[in-house]
Amino acid sequence: MFMKKFAAMLVFALLVPSSLFSQAVDSISTTKELEAAEAKMFDGIKTRDPIYMRDFVSADFVSINADGTRQDKDQMISDTARAKMIGAATIKLFDKNIRAYGDVGIITGRARAYMADQYVVEFLYTAVFVKQNDKWIYASWQGTISKDSPPPPPMPRQN
């Protein structure tokens, strides 16, 4: 009787960690994919990469910006004043939390923007990605000025 219980416990002990390890590997893999998608997003937005905009931003994209504006994909692409400001900034990300729910990835975090090495604003953000055809597509953004931020510079007016 003891041997049967011991054997059952041993089998259980060997199977449970391997299934947990498998889930952890999937989670690590997804986290790395989402981190790469976020880096690609910041680079694509910063450089105004037309291929990124076409192939990696969802058609129904929506952004709620830290200055209180809302933009869809076409508005984001045509907002040259905002794009120039973002392009001139260096963004440092921290306090990130990456979660995935099937084919939806949500990244929340904090970011500081610097212009010519001068700290100008800190914002909290949420970026949403949706996995389509084995690639993470940028679907939504929401940014809020942090209570810890210095007063941000005014956003330039659209040309």
N, C-alpha and C. Protein backbone atom coordinates (compact mmCIF):
# COMPACT_ATOMS: atom_id res chain seq x y z
N MET A 1 0.82 -1.18 0.00
CA MET A 1 0.00 0.00 0.00
C MET A 1 0.88 1.26 0.00
N PHE A 2 1.90 1.28 0.86
CA PHE A 2 2.80 2.43 0.93
C PHE A 2 3.51 2.64 -0.40
N MET A 3 3.92 1.56 -1.04
CA MET A 3 4.64 1.68 -2.31
C MET A 3 3.74 2.25 -3.41
N LYS A 4 2.45 1.87 -3.42
CA LYS A 4 1.53 2.41 -4.42
C LYS A 4 1.35 3.91 -4.22
N LYS A 5 1.18 4.34 -2.95
CA LYS A 5 1.02 5.76 -2.66
C LYS A 5 2.29 6.52 -3.02
N PHE A 6 3.44 5.92 -2.68
CA PHE A 6 4.70 6.57 -2.99
C PHE A 6 4.89 6.71 -4.50
N ALA A 7 4.55 5.65 -5.23
CA ALA A 7 4.68 5.67 -6.69
C ALA A 7 3.73 6.71 -7.29
N ALA A 8 2.52 6.78 -6.79
CA ALA A 8 1.55 7.76 -7.29
C ALA A 8 2.04 9.18 -7.00
N MET A 9 2.57 9.41 -5.80
CA MET A 9 3.07 10.73 -5.43
C MET A 9 4.28 11.10 -6.30
N LEU A 10 5.14 10.12 -6.56
CA LEU A 10 6.31 10.37 -7.38
C LEU A 10 5.91 10.75 -8.81
N VAL A 11 4.96 10.02 -9.39
CA VAL A 11 4.49 10.32 -10.73
C VAL A 11 3.87 11.72 -10.76
N PHE A 12 3.04 12.03 -9.76
CA PHE A 12 2.42 13.35 -9.67
C PHE A 12 3.49 14.44 -9.56
N ALA A 13 4.48 14.22 -8.71
CA ALA A 13 5.54 15.21 -8.51
C ALA A 13 6.34 15.43 -9.80
N LEU A 14 6.52 14.39 -10.58
CA LEU A 14 7.27 14.52 -11.82
C LEU A 14 6.45 15.19 -12.92
N LEU A 15 5.14 14.95 -12.95
CA LEU A 15 4.30 15.51 -13.99
C LEU A 15 3.95 16.97 -13.75
N VAL A 16 3.64 17.35 -12.54
CA VAL A 16 3.21 18.71 -12.25
C VAL A 16 4.29 19.74 -12.59
N PRO A 17 5.51 19.59 -12.12
CA PRO A 17 6.51 20.60 -12.47
C PRO A 17 6.76 20.71 -13.97
N SER A 18 6.68 19.59 -14.70
CA SER A 18 6.93 19.69 -16.14
C SER A 18 5.81 20.46 -16.82
N SER A 19 4.56 20.31 -16.38
CA SER A 19 3.49 21.08 -16.99
C SER A 19 3.61 22.54 -16.60
N LEU A 20 4.01 22.81 -15.37
CA LEU A 20 4.21 24.20 -14.96
C LEU A 20 5.36 24.82 -15.74
N PHE A 21 6.42 24.04 -15.97
CA PHE A 21 7.56 24.54 -16.74
C PHE A 21 7.12 24.86 -18.17
N SER A 22 6.29 24.01 -18.76
CA SER A 22 5.81 24.25 -20.11
C SER A 22 5.04 25.56 -20.17
N GLN A 23 4.18 25.81 -19.19
CA GLN A 23 3.43 27.07 -19.16
C GLN A 23 4.38 28.25 -18.98
N ALA A 24 5.39 28.09 -18.14
CA ALA A 24 6.34 29.18 -17.91
C ALA A 24 7.10 29.50 -19.18
N VAL A 25 7.48 28.48 -19.95
CA VAL A 25 8.20 28.71 -21.20
C VAL A 25 7.30 29.47 -22.17
N ASP A 26 6.03 29.08 -22.29
CA ASP A 26 5.11 29.79 -23.16
C ASP A 26 4.97 31.24 -22.71
N SER A 27 4.85 31.45 -21.42
CA SER A 27 4.71 32.79 -20.88
C SER A 27 5.96 33.63 -21.16
N ILE A 28 7.12 33.04 -20.96
CA ILE A 28 8.37 33.74 -21.23
C ILE A 28 8.48 34.08 -22.72
N SER A 29 8.11 33.13 -23.56
CA SER A 29 8.15 33.34 -25.00
C SER A 29 7.20 34.47 -25.41
N THR A 30 5.98 34.45 -24.89
CA THR A 30 5.00 35.48 -25.21
C THR A 30 5.47 36.84 -24.69
N THR A 31 6.02 36.85 -23.49
CA THR A 31 6.54 38.11 -22.93
C THR A 31 7.62 38.68 -23.83
N LYS A 32 8.53 37.85 -24.29
CA LYS A 32 9.59 38.31 -25.18
C LYS A 32 9.02 38.83 -26.51
N GLU A 33 8.02 38.13 -27.03
CA GLU A 33 7.37 38.57 -28.27
C GLU A 33 6.74 39.95 -28.08
N LEU A 34 6.04 40.12 -26.94
CA LEU A 34 5.38 41.41 -26.68
C LEU A 34 6.39 42.52 -26.43
N GLU A 35 7.48 42.21 -25.74
CA GLU A 35 8.54 43.22 -25.55
C GLU A 35 9.10 43.65 -26.91
N ALA A 36 9.30 42.69 -27.80
CA ALA A 36 9.80 43.00 -29.14
C ALA A 36 8.77 43.82 -29.92
N ALA A 37 7.49 43.48 -29.78
CA ALA A 37 6.43 44.24 -30.47
C ALA A 37 6.38 45.68 -29.95
N GLU A 38 6.57 45.85 -28.63
CA GLU A 38 6.57 47.20 -28.06
C GLU A 38 7.77 48.00 -28.56
N ALA A 39 8.94 47.39 -28.58
CA ALA A 39 10.14 48.08 -29.08
C ALA A 39 9.95 48.46 -30.55
N LYS A 40 9.38 47.55 -31.33
CA LYS A 40 9.12 47.82 -32.74
C LYS A 40 8.12 48.96 -32.88
N MET A 41 7.12 48.99 -31.99
CA MET A 41 6.12 50.05 -32.02
C MET A 41 6.75 51.41 -31.76
N PHE A 42 7.54 51.51 -30.68
CA PHE A 42 8.17 52.79 -30.37
C PHE A 42 9.09 53.22 -31.52
N ASP A 43 9.83 52.30 -32.09
CA ASP A 43 10.71 52.63 -33.20
C ASP A 43 9.90 53.04 -34.44
N GLY A 44 8.84 52.29 -34.74
CA GLY A 44 8.01 52.60 -35.90
C GLY A 44 7.33 53.95 -35.79
N ILE A 45 6.87 54.28 -34.59
CA ILE A 45 6.23 55.58 -34.37
C ILE A 45 7.28 56.69 -34.43
N LYS A 46 8.41 56.46 -33.77
CA LYS A 46 9.47 57.48 -33.71
C LYS A 46 10.02 57.82 -35.09
N THR A 47 10.19 56.80 -35.93
CA THR A 47 10.76 57.02 -37.25
C THR A 47 9.71 57.22 -38.34
N ARG A 48 8.44 57.13 -37.95
CA ARG A 48 7.33 57.26 -38.90
C ARG A 48 7.47 56.27 -40.06
N ASP A 49 7.82 55.06 -39.71
CA ASP A 49 8.07 54.00 -40.68
C ASP A 49 6.76 53.63 -41.39
N PRO A 50 6.64 53.90 -42.69
CA PRO A 50 5.39 53.60 -43.39
C PRO A 50 5.07 52.11 -43.45
N ILE A 51 6.09 51.27 -43.50
CA ILE A 51 5.84 49.82 -43.52
C ILE A 51 5.28 49.38 -42.17
N TYR A 52 5.84 49.91 -41.07
CA TYR A 52 5.30 49.60 -39.74
C TYR A 52 3.84 50.05 -39.66
N MET A 53 3.58 51.27 -40.09
CA MET A 53 2.22 51.81 -40.01
C MET A 53 1.24 50.95 -40.81
N ARG A 54 1.66 50.49 -41.96
CA ARG A 54 0.79 49.69 -42.82
C ARG A 54 0.59 48.27 -42.29
N ASP A 55 1.70 47.63 -41.87
CA ASP A 55 1.66 46.20 -41.56
C ASP A 55 1.52 45.85 -40.09
N PHE A 56 1.78 46.80 -39.19
CA PHE A 56 1.80 46.46 -37.77
C PHE A 56 0.90 47.34 -36.89
N VAL A 57 0.12 48.21 -37.51
CA VAL A 57 -0.86 49.01 -36.77
C VAL A 57 -2.24 48.59 -37.27
N SER A 58 -3.12 48.23 -36.35
CA SER A 58 -4.43 47.72 -36.76
C SER A 58 -5.25 48.81 -37.46
N ALA A 59 -6.10 48.39 -38.37
CA ALA A 59 -6.95 49.32 -39.11
C ALA A 59 -7.87 50.09 -38.17
N ASP A 60 -8.26 49.46 -37.06
CA ASP A 60 -9.17 50.12 -36.11
C ASP A 60 -8.42 50.68 -34.89
N PHE A 61 -7.14 50.98 -35.08
CA PHE A 61 -6.32 51.55 -34.01
C PHE A 61 -6.98 52.78 -33.40
N VAL A 62 -6.83 52.93 -32.08
CA VAL A 62 -7.28 54.13 -31.39
C VAL A 62 -6.28 54.48 -30.30
N SER A 63 -6.03 55.80 -30.18
CA SER A 63 -5.11 56.29 -29.17
C SER A 63 -5.80 57.38 -28.35
N ILE A 64 -5.64 57.31 -27.05
CA ILE A 64 -6.04 58.38 -26.15
C ILE A 64 -4.72 58.93 -25.63
N ASN A 65 -4.36 60.12 -26.06
CA ASN A 65 -3.06 60.69 -25.75
C ASN A 65 -3.05 61.44 -24.42
N ALA A 66 -1.87 61.62 -23.88
CA ALA A 66 -1.71 62.26 -22.57
C ALA A 66 -2.18 63.71 -22.56
N ASP A 67 -2.27 64.32 -23.73
CA ASP A 67 -2.76 65.70 -23.80
C ASP A 67 -4.27 65.77 -23.98
N GLY A 68 -4.94 64.63 -23.88
CA GLY A 68 -6.40 64.61 -23.94
C GLY A 68 -6.98 64.45 -25.33
N THR A 69 -6.14 64.21 -26.33
CA THR A 69 -6.65 64.03 -27.69
C THR A 69 -6.87 62.55 -27.98
N ARG A 70 -7.77 62.29 -28.90
CA ARG A 70 -8.06 60.94 -29.36
C ARG A 70 -7.71 60.90 -30.85
N GLN A 71 -7.06 59.80 -31.27
CA GLN A 71 -6.70 59.67 -32.67
C GLN A 71 -6.96 58.26 -33.16
N ASP A 72 -7.39 58.15 -34.42
CA ASP A 72 -7.45 56.85 -35.06
C ASP A 72 -6.15 56.69 -35.87
N LYS A 73 -6.04 55.63 -36.60
CA LYS A 73 -4.81 55.34 -37.33
C LYS A 73 -4.45 56.45 -38.32
N ASP A 74 -5.41 56.86 -39.13
CA ASP A 74 -5.14 57.90 -40.13
C ASP A 74 -4.73 59.22 -39.48
N GLN A 75 -5.38 59.57 -38.38
CA GLN A 75 -5.04 60.81 -37.68
C GLN A 75 -3.63 60.73 -37.09
N MET A 76 -3.29 59.56 -36.54
CA MET A 76 -1.94 59.39 -35.99
C MET A 76 -0.90 59.54 -37.09
N ILE A 77 -1.13 58.91 -38.22
CA ILE A 77 -0.17 58.96 -39.33
C ILE A 77 -0.01 60.39 -39.85
N SER A 78 -1.09 61.14 -39.91
CA SER A 78 -1.03 62.49 -40.49
C SER A 78 -0.62 63.57 -39.48
N ASP A 79 -0.49 63.23 -38.22
CA ASP A 79 -0.13 64.22 -37.19
C ASP A 79 1.39 64.42 -37.20
N THR A 80 1.84 65.23 -38.14
CA THR A 80 3.29 65.43 -38.31
C THR A 80 3.91 66.19 -37.14
N ALA A 81 3.18 67.11 -36.54
CA ALA A 81 3.73 67.88 -35.42
C ALA A 81 4.03 66.95 -34.23
N ARG A 82 3.09 66.08 -33.90
CA ARG A 82 3.30 65.14 -32.79
C ARG A 82 4.41 64.16 -33.15
N ALA A 83 4.42 63.72 -34.39
CA ALA A 83 5.45 62.77 -34.83
C ALA A 83 6.85 63.37 -34.72
N LYS A 84 7.00 64.65 -35.09
CA LYS A 84 8.31 65.30 -34.98
C LYS A 84 8.74 65.40 -33.52
N MET A 85 7.79 65.71 -32.65
CA MET A 85 8.12 65.82 -31.22
C MET A 85 8.54 64.45 -30.67
N ILE A 86 7.79 63.42 -31.01
CA ILE A 86 8.12 62.06 -30.56
C ILE A 86 9.47 61.65 -31.16
N GLY A 87 9.69 61.97 -32.42
CA GLY A 87 10.93 61.62 -33.08
C GLY A 87 12.16 62.25 -32.45
N ALA A 88 11.98 63.44 -31.87
CA ALA A 88 13.10 64.14 -31.25
C ALA A 88 13.36 63.69 -29.82
N ALA A 89 12.42 62.95 -29.24
CA ALA A 89 12.54 62.55 -27.83
C ALA A 89 13.28 61.23 -27.68
N THR A 90 13.90 61.08 -26.54
CA THR A 90 14.44 59.80 -26.11
C THR A 90 13.50 59.31 -25.02
N ILE A 91 12.98 58.11 -25.18
CA ILE A 91 12.01 57.56 -24.24
C ILE A 91 12.68 56.45 -23.42
N LYS A 92 12.55 56.55 -22.11
CA LYS A 92 13.07 55.50 -21.22
C LYS A 92 11.89 54.87 -20.50
N LEU A 93 11.74 53.55 -20.69
CA LEU A 93 10.62 52.80 -20.13
C LEU A 93 11.02 52.13 -18.83
N PHE A 94 10.07 52.05 -17.89
CA PHE A 94 10.32 51.33 -16.64
C PHE A 94 8.98 50.94 -16.01
N ASP A 95 9.05 50.18 -14.93
CA ASP A 95 7.85 49.69 -14.21
C ASP A 95 6.86 49.02 -15.16
N LYS A 96 7.37 48.21 -16.09
CA LYS A 96 6.50 47.55 -17.06
C LYS A 96 5.84 46.31 -16.48
N ASN A 97 4.62 46.08 -16.92
CA ASN A 97 3.88 44.86 -16.61
C ASN A 97 3.33 44.35 -17.93
N ILE A 98 3.69 43.12 -18.27
CA ILE A 98 3.27 42.54 -19.55
C ILE A 98 2.35 41.36 -19.25
N ARG A 99 1.16 41.42 -19.85
CA ARG A 99 0.19 40.34 -19.67
C ARG A 99 -0.34 39.92 -21.03
N ALA A 100 -0.66 38.64 -21.14
CA ALA A 100 -1.26 38.14 -22.37
C ALA A 100 -2.49 37.32 -22.01
N TYR A 101 -3.52 37.52 -22.80
CA TYR A 101 -4.76 36.78 -22.68
C TYR A 101 -5.07 36.21 -24.05
N GLY A 102 -4.53 35.02 -24.30
CA GLY A 102 -4.67 34.44 -25.63
C GLY A 102 -3.92 35.28 -26.64
N ASP A 103 -4.66 35.81 -27.61
CA ASP A 103 -4.05 36.61 -28.68
C ASP A 103 -4.09 38.11 -28.40
N VAL A 104 -4.30 38.50 -27.14
CA VAL A 104 -4.30 39.91 -26.76
C VAL A 104 -3.18 40.12 -25.75
N GLY A 105 -2.33 41.08 -26.01
CA GLY A 105 -1.24 41.43 -25.10
C GLY A 105 -1.43 42.85 -24.61
N ILE A 106 -1.25 43.04 -23.32
CA ILE A 106 -1.41 44.36 -22.72
C ILE A 106 -0.13 44.70 -21.97
N ILE A 107 0.45 45.83 -22.31
CA ILE A 107 1.65 46.29 -21.62
C ILE A 107 1.31 47.60 -20.93
N THR A 108 1.54 47.64 -19.63
CA THR A 108 1.38 48.88 -18.88
C THR A 108 2.75 49.25 -18.32
N GLY A 109 2.97 50.53 -18.15
CA GLY A 109 4.25 50.95 -17.61
C GLY A 109 4.34 52.44 -17.44
N ARG A 110 5.53 52.87 -17.14
CA ARG A 110 5.86 54.29 -17.02
C ARG A 110 6.97 54.60 -18.01
N ALA A 111 6.99 55.83 -18.44
CA ALA A 111 8.02 56.25 -19.39
C ALA A 111 8.41 57.68 -19.07
N ARG A 112 9.66 57.96 -19.30
CA ARG A 112 10.16 59.34 -19.20
C ARG A 112 10.67 59.74 -20.56
N ALA A 113 10.32 60.96 -20.94
CA ALA A 113 10.77 61.50 -22.21
C ALA A 113 11.82 62.57 -21.93
N TYR A 114 12.87 62.54 -22.74
CA TYR A 114 13.97 63.50 -22.64
C TYR A 114 14.13 64.17 -23.98
N MET A 115 14.39 65.47 -23.94
CA MET A 115 14.72 66.22 -25.15
C MET A 115 16.10 66.82 -24.92
N ALA A 116 17.03 66.50 -25.81
CA ALA A 116 18.41 66.98 -25.67
C ALA A 116 18.92 66.69 -24.25
N ASP A 117 18.71 65.48 -23.79
CA ASP A 117 19.13 64.99 -22.47
C ASP A 117 18.44 65.68 -21.29
N GLN A 118 17.44 66.50 -21.55
CA GLN A 118 16.70 67.15 -20.47
C GLN A 118 15.39 66.41 -20.25
N TYR A 119 15.14 66.00 -19.01
CA TYR A 119 13.92 65.30 -18.64
C TYR A 119 12.74 66.26 -18.77
N VAL A 120 11.77 65.93 -19.63
CA VAL A 120 10.67 66.86 -19.86
C VAL A 120 9.30 66.36 -19.39
N VAL A 121 9.09 65.05 -19.37
CA VAL A 121 7.77 64.56 -18.97
C VAL A 121 7.84 63.08 -18.60
N GLU A 122 7.00 62.70 -17.66
CA GLU A 122 6.82 61.28 -17.32
C GLU A 122 5.35 60.95 -17.55
N PHE A 123 5.11 59.80 -18.17
CA PHE A 123 3.73 59.39 -18.39
C PHE A 123 3.55 57.91 -18.08
N LEU A 124 2.34 57.57 -17.72
CA LEU A 124 1.91 56.19 -17.53
C LEU A 124 1.24 55.78 -18.84
N TYR A 125 1.40 54.54 -19.23
CA TYR A 125 0.81 54.14 -20.52
C TYR A 125 0.28 52.72 -20.49
N THR A 126 -0.63 52.49 -21.40
CA THR A 126 -1.14 51.15 -21.70
C THR A 126 -1.08 50.99 -23.20
N ALA A 127 -0.40 49.95 -23.65
CA ALA A 127 -0.34 49.62 -25.08
C ALA A 127 -0.97 48.24 -25.25
N VAL A 128 -1.84 48.12 -26.23
CA VAL A 128 -2.54 46.86 -26.48
C VAL A 128 -2.11 46.33 -27.85
N PHE A 129 -1.78 45.04 -27.88
CA PHE A 129 -1.40 44.36 -29.11
C PHE A 129 -2.30 43.16 -29.31
N VAL A 130 -2.61 42.84 -30.56
CA VAL A 130 -3.42 41.69 -30.90
C VAL A 130 -2.62 40.83 -31.87
N LYS A 131 -2.56 39.53 -31.58
CA LYS A 131 -1.79 38.63 -32.46
C LYS A 131 -2.65 38.20 -33.63
N GLN A 132 -2.17 38.53 -34.84
CA GLN A 132 -2.85 38.17 -36.08
C GLN A 132 -1.82 37.63 -37.05
N ASN A 133 -2.11 36.49 -37.62
CA ASN A 133 -1.19 35.86 -38.59
C ASN A 133 0.22 35.75 -38.02
N ASP A 134 0.32 35.32 -36.77
CA ASP A 134 1.59 35.10 -36.08
C ASP A 134 2.42 36.36 -35.87
N LYS A 135 1.81 37.54 -35.90
CA LYS A 135 2.55 38.76 -35.55
C LYS A 135 1.67 39.62 -34.65
N TRP A 136 2.34 40.34 -33.75
CA TRP A 136 1.65 41.22 -32.82
C TRP A 136 1.40 42.56 -33.48
N ILE A 137 0.13 42.92 -33.56
CA ILE A 137 -0.32 44.16 -34.20
C ILE A 137 -0.67 45.17 -33.11
N TYR A 138 -0.20 46.39 -33.28
CA TYR A 138 -0.45 47.49 -32.35
C TYR A 138 -1.89 47.95 -32.53
N ALA A 139 -2.70 47.80 -31.47
CA ALA A 139 -4.13 48.06 -31.59
C ALA A 139 -4.61 49.30 -30.84
N SER A 140 -3.95 49.64 -29.73
CA SER A 140 -4.46 50.75 -28.93
C SER A 140 -3.38 51.30 -28.01
N TRP A 141 -3.53 52.57 -27.68
CA TRP A 141 -2.61 53.27 -26.79
C TRP A 141 -3.41 54.18 -25.88
N GLN A 142 -2.97 54.31 -24.65
CA GLN A 142 -3.53 55.30 -23.74
C GLN A 142 -2.39 55.79 -22.88
N GLY A 143 -2.21 57.11 -22.83
CA GLY A 143 -1.15 57.70 -22.02
C GLY A 143 -1.72 58.74 -21.08
N THR A 144 -1.14 58.83 -19.90
CA THR A 144 -1.56 59.81 -18.89
C THR A 144 -0.31 60.41 -18.26
N ILE A 145 -0.29 61.72 -18.15
CA ILE A 145 0.84 62.39 -17.49
C ILE A 145 0.87 61.92 -16.04
N SER A 146 2.04 61.54 -15.58
CA SER A 146 2.21 61.06 -14.20
C SER A 146 2.11 62.23 -13.22
N LYS A 147 1.60 61.94 -12.03
CA LYS A 147 1.56 62.96 -10.98
C LYS A 147 2.97 63.38 -10.57
N ASP A 148 3.96 62.55 -10.87
CA ASP A 148 5.36 62.84 -10.54
C ASP A 148 6.08 63.61 -11.64
N SER A 149 5.39 63.90 -12.74
CA SER A 149 6.01 64.54 -13.89
C SER A 149 6.20 66.04 -13.67
N PRO A 150 7.29 66.57 -14.24
CA PRO A 150 7.35 68.04 -14.31
C PRO A 150 6.26 68.49 -15.29
N PRO A 151 5.86 69.74 -15.26
CA PRO A 151 4.86 70.20 -16.24
C PRO A 151 5.37 69.93 -17.65
N PRO A 152 4.59 69.25 -18.47
CA PRO A 152 5.06 68.90 -19.81
C PRO A 152 5.09 70.12 -20.72
N PRO A 153 5.94 70.07 -21.73
CA PRO A 153 5.94 71.16 -22.71
C PRO A 153 4.63 71.09 -23.50
N PRO A 154 4.18 72.21 -24.06
CA PRO A 154 2.95 72.18 -24.84
C PRO A 154 3.14 71.35 -26.11
N MET A 155 2.09 70.67 -26.49
CA MET A 155 2.15 69.92 -27.74
C MET A 155 2.13 70.90 -28.90
N PRO A 156 2.93 70.65 -29.91
CA PRO A 156 2.91 71.53 -31.09
C PRO A 156 1.58 71.41 -31.82
N ARG A 157 1.17 72.45 -32.46
CA ARG A 157 -0.06 72.45 -33.24
C ARG A 157 0.16 71.70 -34.53
N GLN A 158 -0.89 71.02 -34.98
CA GLN A 158 -0.85 70.27 -36.23
C GLN A 158 -0.65 71.25 -37.39
N ASN A 159 0.21 70.85 -38.35
CA ASN A 159 0.47 71.70 -39.52
C ASN A 159 -0.72 71.78 -40.43
